[in-house]
Amino acid sequence: MFRGRVALITGGGRGIGREIALAFAGLGADVIIASRNEDNLRTTAADRAIARTLISLISSVRSRFPHQKSWNEPRNS
């Protein structure tokens, strides 16, 4: 159904995101998994159902906003 298509799954290292990644892989999609946790990502990537073609990305959105000093405090506008 999804052969030749790419699915980008954020939070794909565990829980619902992992199950969604496995579902897309089962339907033939090439799956890209993004996760903040490398161990969870590796566990999902090692699953034989998804291992055909895998691109993994470990990232935190915090690194994308270096101007934001604290995520727990409001910014001064």
PDB file of N, CA and C in Angstrom:
ATOM      1  N   MET A   1       0.816  -1.203   0.000  1.00  0.00           N
ATOM      2  CA  MET A   1       0.000   0.000   0.000  1.00  0.00           C
ATOM      3  C   MET A   1       0.863   1.271   0.000  1.00  0.00           C
ATOM      4  N   PHE A   2       1.952   1.272   0.782  1.00  0.00           N
ATOM      5  CA  PHE A   2       2.815   2.454   0.869  1.00  0.00           C
ATOM      6  C   PHE A   2       4.183   2.212   0.241  1.00  0.00           C
ATOM      7  N   ARG A   3       4.319   1.179  -0.572  1.00  0.00           N
ATOM      8  CA  ARG A   3       5.597   0.892  -1.212  1.00  0.00           C
ATOM      9  C   ARG A   3       6.021   2.080  -2.067  1.00  0.00           C
ATOM     10  N   GLY A   4       7.292   2.500  -1.896  1.00  0.00           N
ATOM     11  CA  GLY A   4       7.786   3.660  -2.629  1.00  0.00           C
ATOM     12  C   GLY A   4       7.507   4.980  -1.935  1.00  0.00           C
ATOM     13  N   ARG A   5       6.869   4.923  -0.784  1.00  0.00           N
ATOM     14  CA  ARG A   5       6.568   6.130  -0.003  1.00  0.00           C
ATOM     15  C   ARG A   5       7.450   6.155   1.237  1.00  0.00           C
ATOM     16  N   VAL A   6       7.615   7.347   1.800  1.00  0.00           N
ATOM     17  CA  VAL A   6       8.412   7.520   3.010  1.00  0.00           C
ATOM     18  C   VAL A   6       7.516   8.066   4.108  1.00  0.00           C
ATOM     19  N   ALA A   7       7.609   7.460   5.292  1.00  0.00           N
ATOM     20  CA  ALA A   7       6.863   7.934   6.459  1.00  0.00           C
ATOM     21  C   ALA A   7       7.858   8.475   7.477  1.00  0.00           C
ATOM     22  N   LEU A   8       7.675   9.714   7.896  1.00  0.00           N
ATOM     23  CA  LEU A   8       8.495  10.327   8.940  1.00  0.00           C
ATOM     24  C   LEU A   8       7.700  10.261  10.233  1.00  0.00           C
ATOM     25  N   ILE A   9       8.227   9.540  11.220  1.00  0.00           N
ATOM     26  CA  ILE A   9       7.536   9.345  12.491  1.00  0.00           C
ATOM     27  C   ILE A   9       8.340  10.028  13.589  1.00  0.00           C
ATOM     28  N   THR A  10       7.752  11.042  14.215  1.00  0.00           N
ATOM     29  CA  THR A  10       8.406  11.681  15.362  1.00  0.00           C
ATOM     30  C   THR A  10       7.947  10.955  16.614  1.00  0.00           C
ATOM     31  N   GLY A  11       8.849  10.826  17.570  1.00  0.00           N
ATOM     32  CA  GLY A  11       8.513  10.083  18.782  1.00  0.00           C
ATOM     33  C   GLY A  11       8.396   8.595  18.493  1.00  0.00           C
ATOM     34  N   GLY A  12       9.126   8.122  17.489  1.00  0.00           N
ATOM     35  CA  GLY A  12       9.005   6.733  17.061  1.00  0.00           C
ATOM     36  C   GLY A  12       9.805   5.740  17.869  1.00  0.00           C
ATOM     37  N   GLY A  13      10.456   6.179  18.918  1.00  0.00           N
ATOM     38  CA  GLY A  13      11.279   5.285  19.721  1.00  0.00           C
ATOM     39  C   GLY A  13      10.508   4.393  20.668  1.00  0.00           C
ATOM     40  N   ARG A  14       9.284   4.787  21.004  1.00  0.00           N
ATOM     41  CA  ARG A  14       8.511   3.971  21.949  1.00  0.00           C
ATOM     42  C   ARG A  14       7.030   4.327  21.865  1.00  0.00           C
ATOM     43  N   GLY A  15       6.238   3.564  22.548  1.00  0.00           N
ATOM     44  CA  GLY A  15       4.811   3.850  22.672  1.00  0.00           C
ATOM     45  C   GLY A  15       4.066   3.891  21.348  1.00  0.00           C
ATOM     46  N   ILE A  16       3.151   4.850  21.245  1.00  0.00           N
ATOM     47  CA  ILE A  16       2.318   4.981  20.050  1.00  0.00           C
ATOM     48  C   ILE A  16       3.169   5.260  18.811  1.00  0.00           C
ATOM     49  N   GLY A  17       4.190   6.106  18.949  1.00  0.00           N
ATOM     50  CA  GLY A  17       5.053   6.409  17.811  1.00  0.00           C
ATOM     51  C   GLY A  17       5.734   5.170  17.265  1.00  0.00           C
ATOM     52  N   ARG A  18       6.194   4.297  18.153  1.00  0.00           N
ATOM     53  CA  ARG A  18       6.826   3.040  17.734  1.00  0.00           C
ATOM     54  C   ARG A  18       5.827   2.175  16.979  1.00  0.00           C
ATOM     55  N   GLU A  19       4.638   2.055  17.522  1.00  0.00           N
ATOM     56  CA  GLU A  19       3.615   1.226  16.875  1.00  0.00           C
ATOM     57  C   GLU A  19       3.224   1.781  15.506  1.00  0.00           C
ATOM     58  N   ILE A  20       3.165   3.103  15.393  1.00  0.00           N
ATOM     59  CA  ILE A  20       2.862   3.721  14.097  1.00  0.00           C
ATOM     60  C   ILE A  20       3.986   3.430  13.102  1.00  0.00           C
ATOM     61  N   ALA A  21       5.236   3.536  13.560  1.00  0.00           N
ATOM     62  CA  ALA A  21       6.381   3.233  12.690  1.00  0.00           C
ATOM     63  C   ALA A  21       6.321   1.788  12.205  1.00  0.00           C
ATOM     64  N   LEU A  22       6.019   0.868  13.105  1.00  0.00           N
ATOM     65  CA  LEU A  22       5.918  -0.540  12.731  1.00  0.00           C
ATOM     66  C   LEU A  22       4.768  -0.771  11.752  1.00  0.00           C
ATOM     67  N   ALA A  23       3.657  -0.075  11.961  1.00  0.00           N
ATOM     68  CA  ALA A  23       2.504  -0.221  11.069  1.00  0.00           C
ATOM     69  C   ALA A  23       2.841   0.256   9.656  1.00  0.00           C
ATOM     70  N   PHE A  24       3.477   1.425   9.550  1.00  0.00           N
ATOM     71  CA  PHE A  24       3.854   1.930   8.224  1.00  0.00           C
ATOM     72  C   PHE A  24       4.857   0.994   7.551  1.00  0.00           C
ATOM     73  N   ALA A  25       5.816   0.490   8.315  1.00  0.00           N
ATOM     74  CA  ALA A  25       6.785  -0.451   7.750  1.00  0.00           C
ATOM     75  C   ALA A  25       6.077  -1.707   7.262  1.00  0.00           C
ATOM     76  N   GLY A  26       5.108  -2.171   8.030  1.00  0.00           N
ATOM     77  CA  GLY A  26       4.349  -3.350   7.639  1.00  0.00           C
ATOM     78  C   GLY A  26       3.542  -3.145   6.370  1.00  0.00           C
ATOM     79  N   LEU A  27       3.198  -1.902   6.084  1.00  0.00           N
ATOM     80  CA  LEU A  27       2.453  -1.569   4.870  1.00  0.00           C
ATOM     81  C   LEU A  27       3.370  -1.232   3.697  1.00  0.00           C
ATOM     82  N   GLY A  28       4.700  -1.384   3.919  1.00  0.00           N
ATOM     83  CA  GLY A  28       5.650  -1.230   2.828  1.00  0.00           C
ATOM     84  C   GLY A  28       6.385   0.092   2.749  1.00  0.00           C
ATOM     85  N   ALA A  29       6.117   1.029   3.640  1.00  0.00           N
ATOM     86  CA  ALA A  29       6.776   2.338   3.596  1.00  0.00           C
ATOM     87  C   ALA A  29       8.220   2.253   4.080  1.00  0.00           C
ATOM     88  N   ASP A  30       9.067   3.127   3.538  1.00  0.00           N
ATOM     89  CA  ASP A  30      10.379   3.358   4.132  1.00  0.00           C
ATOM     90  C   ASP A  30      10.121   4.300   5.296  1.00  0.00           C
ATOM     91  N   VAL A  31      10.691   3.994   6.451  1.00  0.00           N
ATOM     92  CA  VAL A  31      10.355   4.727   7.666  1.00  0.00           C
ATOM     93  C   VAL A  31      11.555   5.501   8.188  1.00  0.00           C
ATOM     94  N   ILE A  32      11.336   6.770   8.481  1.00  0.00           N
ATOM     95  CA  ILE A  32      12.322   7.606   9.166  1.00  0.00           C
ATOM     96  C   ILE A  32      11.774   7.821  10.568  1.00  0.00           C
ATOM     97  N   ILE A  33      12.577   7.477  11.574  1.00  0.00           N
ATOM     98  CA  ILE A  33      12.151   7.622  12.963  1.00  0.00           C
ATOM     99  C   ILE A  33      12.966   8.722  13.619  1.00  0.00           C
ATOM    100  N   ALA A  34      12.288   9.655  14.257  1.00  0.00           N
ATOM    101  CA  ALA A  34      12.953  10.703  15.038  1.00  0.00           C
ATOM    102  C   ALA A  34      12.627  10.468  16.504  1.00  0.00           C
ATOM    103  N   SER A  35      13.632  10.577  17.349  1.00  0.00           N
ATOM    104  CA  SER A  35      13.446  10.367  18.783  1.00  0.00           C
ATOM    105  C   SER A  35      14.481  11.165  19.551  1.00  0.00           C
ATOM    106  N   ARG A  36      14.149  11.517  20.782  1.00  0.00           N
ATOM    107  CA  ARG A  36      15.110  12.209  21.645  1.00  0.00           C
ATOM    108  C   ARG A  36      15.981  11.223  22.406  1.00  0.00           C
ATOM    109  N   ASN A  37      15.609   9.943  22.398  1.00  0.00           N
ATOM    110  CA  ASN A  37      16.304   8.948  23.198  1.00  0.00           C
ATOM    111  C   ASN A  37      16.935   7.890  22.287  1.00  0.00           C
ATOM    112  N   GLU A  38      18.248   7.835  22.291  1.00  0.00           N
ATOM    113  CA  GLU A  38      18.961   6.928  21.392  1.00  0.00           C
ATOM    114  C   GLU A  38      18.681   5.461  21.699  1.00  0.00           C
ATOM    115  N   ASP A  39      18.579   5.101  22.977  1.00  0.00           N
ATOM    116  CA  ASP A  39      18.318   3.702  23.331  1.00  0.00           C
ATOM    117  C   ASP A  39      16.966   3.239  22.795  1.00  0.00           C
ATOM    118  N   ASN A  40      15.931   4.064  22.982  1.00  0.00           N
ATOM    119  CA  ASN A  40      14.607   3.710  22.460  1.00  0.00           C
ATOM    120  C   ASN A  40      14.635   3.608  20.943  1.00  0.00           C
ATOM    121  N   LEU A  41      15.354   4.517  20.326  1.00  0.00           N
ATOM    122  CA  LEU A  41      15.449   4.526  18.868  1.00  0.00           C
ATOM    123  C   LEU A  41      16.114   3.256  18.355  1.00  0.00           C
ATOM    124  N   ARG A  42      17.193   2.867  18.992  1.00  0.00           N
ATOM    125  CA  ARG A  42      17.907   1.656  18.567  1.00  0.00           C
ATOM    126  C   ARG A  42      17.041   0.407  18.751  1.00  0.00           C
ATOM    127  N   THR A  43      16.268   0.359  19.832  1.00  0.00           N
ATOM    128  CA  THR A  43      15.382  -0.781  20.064  1.00  0.00           C
ATOM    129  C   THR A  43      14.347  -0.891  18.956  1.00  0.00           C
ATOM    130  N   THR A  44      13.746   0.226  18.593  1.00  0.00           N
ATOM    131  CA  THR A  44      12.758   0.222  17.515  1.00  0.00           C
ATOM    132  C   THR A  44      13.421  -0.123  16.188  1.00  0.00           C
ATOM    133  N   ALA A  45      14.581   0.448  15.936  1.00  0.00           N
ATOM    134  CA  ALA A  45      15.284   0.213  14.672  1.00  0.00           C
ATOM    135  C   ALA A  45      15.699  -1.250  14.515  1.00  0.00           C
ATOM    136  N   ALA A  46      15.952  -1.921  15.627  1.00  0.00           N
ATOM    137  CA  ALA A  46      16.388  -3.315  15.577  1.00  0.00           C
ATOM    138  C   ALA A  46      15.244  -4.273  15.262  1.00  0.00           C
ATOM    139  N   ASP A  47      14.010  -3.808  15.357  1.00  0.00           N
ATOM    140  CA  ASP A  47      12.858  -4.662  15.082  1.00  0.00           C
ATOM    141  C   ASP A  47      12.911  -5.114  13.623  1.00  0.00           C
ATOM    142  N   ARG A  48      12.844  -6.394  13.395  1.00  0.00           N
ATOM    143  CA  ARG A  48      12.982  -6.938  12.038  1.00  0.00           C
ATOM    144  C   ARG A  48      11.881  -6.457  11.101  1.00  0.00           C
ATOM    145  N   ALA A  49      10.757  -6.038  11.646  1.00  0.00           N
ATOM    146  CA  ALA A  49       9.657  -5.568  10.804  1.00  0.00           C
ATOM    147  C   ALA A  49       9.961  -4.213  10.169  1.00  0.00           C
ATOM    148  N   ILE A  50      10.915  -3.487  10.747  1.00  0.00           N
ATOM    149  CA  ILE A  50      11.181  -2.128  10.282  1.00  0.00           C
ATOM    150  C   ILE A  50      12.590  -1.978   9.713  1.00  0.00           C
ATOM    151  N   ALA A  51      13.400  -2.999   9.842  1.00  0.00           N
ATOM    152  CA  ALA A  51      14.834  -2.870   9.568  1.00  0.00           C
ATOM    153  C   ALA A  51      15.211  -2.857   8.089  1.00  0.00           C
ATOM    154  N   ARG A  52      14.273  -3.005   7.174  1.00  0.00           N
ATOM    155  CA  ARG A  52      14.615  -3.029   5.749  1.00  0.00           C
ATOM    156  C   ARG A  52      15.325  -1.753   5.326  1.00  0.00           C
ATOM    157  N   THR A  53      14.691  -0.632   5.520  1.00  0.00           N
ATOM    158  CA  THR A  53      15.292   0.658   5.208  1.00  0.00           C
ATOM    159  C   THR A  53      14.975   1.586   6.358  1.00  0.00           C
ATOM    160  N   LEU A  54      15.996   2.064   7.030  1.00  0.00           N
ATOM    161  CA  LEU A  54      15.758   2.890   8.202  1.00  0.00           C
ATOM    162  C   LEU A  54      16.725   4.055   8.229  1.00  0.00           C
ATOM    163  N   ILE A  55      16.191   5.217   8.442  1.00  0.00           N
ATOM    164  CA  ILE A  55      17.001   6.401   8.711  1.00  0.00           C
ATOM    165  C   ILE A  55      16.591   6.852  10.098  1.00  0.00           C
ATOM    166  N   SER A  56      17.537   6.963  11.004  1.00  0.00           N
ATOM    167  CA  SER A  56      17.190   7.377  12.360  1.00  0.00           C
ATOM    168  C   SER A  56      17.734   8.773  12.627  1.00  0.00           C
ATOM    169  N   LEU A  57      17.002   9.509  13.429  1.00  0.00           N
ATOM    170  CA  LEU A  57      17.383  10.871  13.770  1.00  0.00           C
ATOM    171  C   LEU A  57      17.168  11.064  15.257  1.00  0.00           C
ATOM    172  N   ILE A  58      18.235  11.409  15.961  1.00  0.00           N
ATOM    173  CA  ILE A  58      18.143  11.689  17.384  1.00  0.00           C
ATOM    174  C   ILE A  58      18.318  13.182  17.544  1.00  0.00           C
ATOM    175  N   SER A  59      17.318  13.830  18.084  1.00  0.00           N
ATOM    176  CA  SER A  59      17.367  15.281  18.150  1.00  0.00           C
ATOM    177  C   SER A  59      16.480  15.799  19.266  1.00  0.00           C
ATOM    178  N   SER A  60      16.749  16.995  19.654  1.00  0.00           N
ATOM    179  CA  SER A  60      15.916  17.708  20.608  1.00  0.00           C
ATOM    180  C   SER A  60      15.554  19.040  19.982  1.00  0.00           C
ATOM    181  N   VAL A  61      14.308  19.433  20.103  1.00  0.00           N
ATOM    182  CA  VAL A  61      13.915  20.720  19.531  1.00  0.00           C
ATOM    183  C   VAL A  61      14.614  21.871  20.233  1.00  0.00           C
ATOM    184  N   ARG A  62      15.067  21.657  21.440  1.00  0.00           N
ATOM    185  CA  ARG A  62      15.764  22.732  22.162  1.00  0.00           C
ATOM    186  C   ARG A  62      16.987  23.221  21.399  1.00  0.00           C
ATOM    187  N   SER A  63      17.676  22.323  20.719  1.00  0.00           N
ATOM    188  CA  SER A  63      18.867  22.731  19.970  1.00  0.00           C
ATOM    189  C   SER A  63      18.510  23.591  18.766  1.00  0.00           C
ATOM    190  N   ARG A  64      17.254  23.588  18.363  1.00  0.00           N
ATOM    191  CA  ARG A  64      16.813  24.380  17.214  1.00  0.00           C
ATOM    192  C   ARG A  64      16.487  25.824  17.595  1.00  0.00           C
ATOM    193  N   PHE A  65      16.427  26.111  18.899  1.00  0.00           N
ATOM    194  CA  PHE A  65      16.068  27.441  19.374  1.00  0.00           C
ATOM    195  C   PHE A  65      17.088  27.931  20.400  1.00  0.00           C
ATOM    196  N   PRO A  66      18.330  28.188  19.965  1.00  0.00           N
ATOM    197  CA  PRO A  66      19.378  28.565  20.912  1.00  0.00           C
ATOM    198  C   PRO A  66      19.110  29.890  21.618  1.00  0.00           C
ATOM    199  N   HIS A  67      18.266  30.742  21.036  1.00  0.00           N
ATOM    200  CA  HIS A  67      17.973  32.035  21.652  1.00  0.00           C
ATOM    201  C   HIS A  67      17.076  31.885  22.876  1.00  0.00           C
ATOM    202  N   GLN A  68      16.397  30.754  22.999  1.00  0.00           N
ATOM    203  CA  GLN A  68      15.502  30.531  24.135  1.00  0.00           C
ATOM    204  C   GLN A  68      16.337  30.034  25.306  1.00  0.00           C
ATOM    205  N   LYS A  69      16.494  30.851  26.348  1.00  0.00           N
ATOM    206  CA  LYS A  69      17.359  30.495  27.470  1.00  0.00           C
ATOM    207  C   LYS A  69      16.748  29.419  28.352  1.00  0.00           C
ATOM    208  N   SER A  70      15.486  29.529  28.634  1.00  0.00           N
ATOM    209  CA  SER A  70      14.837  28.539  29.486  1.00  0.00           C
ATOM    210  C   SER A  70      13.459  28.213  28.934  1.00  0.00           C
ATOM    211  N   TRP A  71      13.193  26.948  28.789  1.00  0.00           N
ATOM    212  CA  TRP A  71      11.895  26.518  28.272  1.00  0.00           C
ATOM    213  C   TRP A  71      10.827  26.590  29.356  1.00  0.00           C
ATOM    214  N   ASN A  72      11.218  26.814  30.587  1.00  0.00           N
ATOM    215  CA  ASN A  72      10.260  26.871  31.682  1.00  0.00           C
ATOM    216  C   ASN A  72       9.857  28.292  32.040  1.00  0.00           C
ATOM    217  N   GLU A  73      10.472  29.271  31.403  1.00  0.00           N
ATOM    218  CA  GLU A  73      10.162  30.667  31.690  1.00  0.00           C
ATOM    219  C   GLU A  73       9.667  31.349  30.425  1.00  0.00           C
ATOM    220  N   PRO A  74       8.684  32.240  30.554  1.00  0.00           N
ATOM    221  CA  PRO A  74       8.203  32.951  29.366  1.00  0.00           C
ATOM    222  C   PRO A  74       9.273  33.893  28.825  1.00  0.00           C
ATOM    223  N   ARG A  75       9.249  34.079  27.512  1.00  0.00           N
ATOM    224  CA  ARG A  75      10.180  35.018  26.888  1.00  0.00           C
ATOM    225  C   ARG A  75       9.685  36.435  27.115  1.00  0.00           C
ATOM    226  N   ASN A  76      10.617  37.352  27.197  1.00  0.00           N
ATOM    227  CA  ASN A  76      10.261  38.771  27.245  1.00  0.00           C
ATOM    228  C   ASN A  76      10.024  39.241  25.825  1.00  0.00           C
ATOM    229  N   SER A  77       8.874  39.817  25.583  1.00  0.00           N
ATOM    230  CA  SER A  77       8.558  40.274  24.221  1.00  0.00           C
ATOM    231  C   SER A  77       8.930  41.713  24.048  1.00  0.00           C
TER     232      SER A  77
END
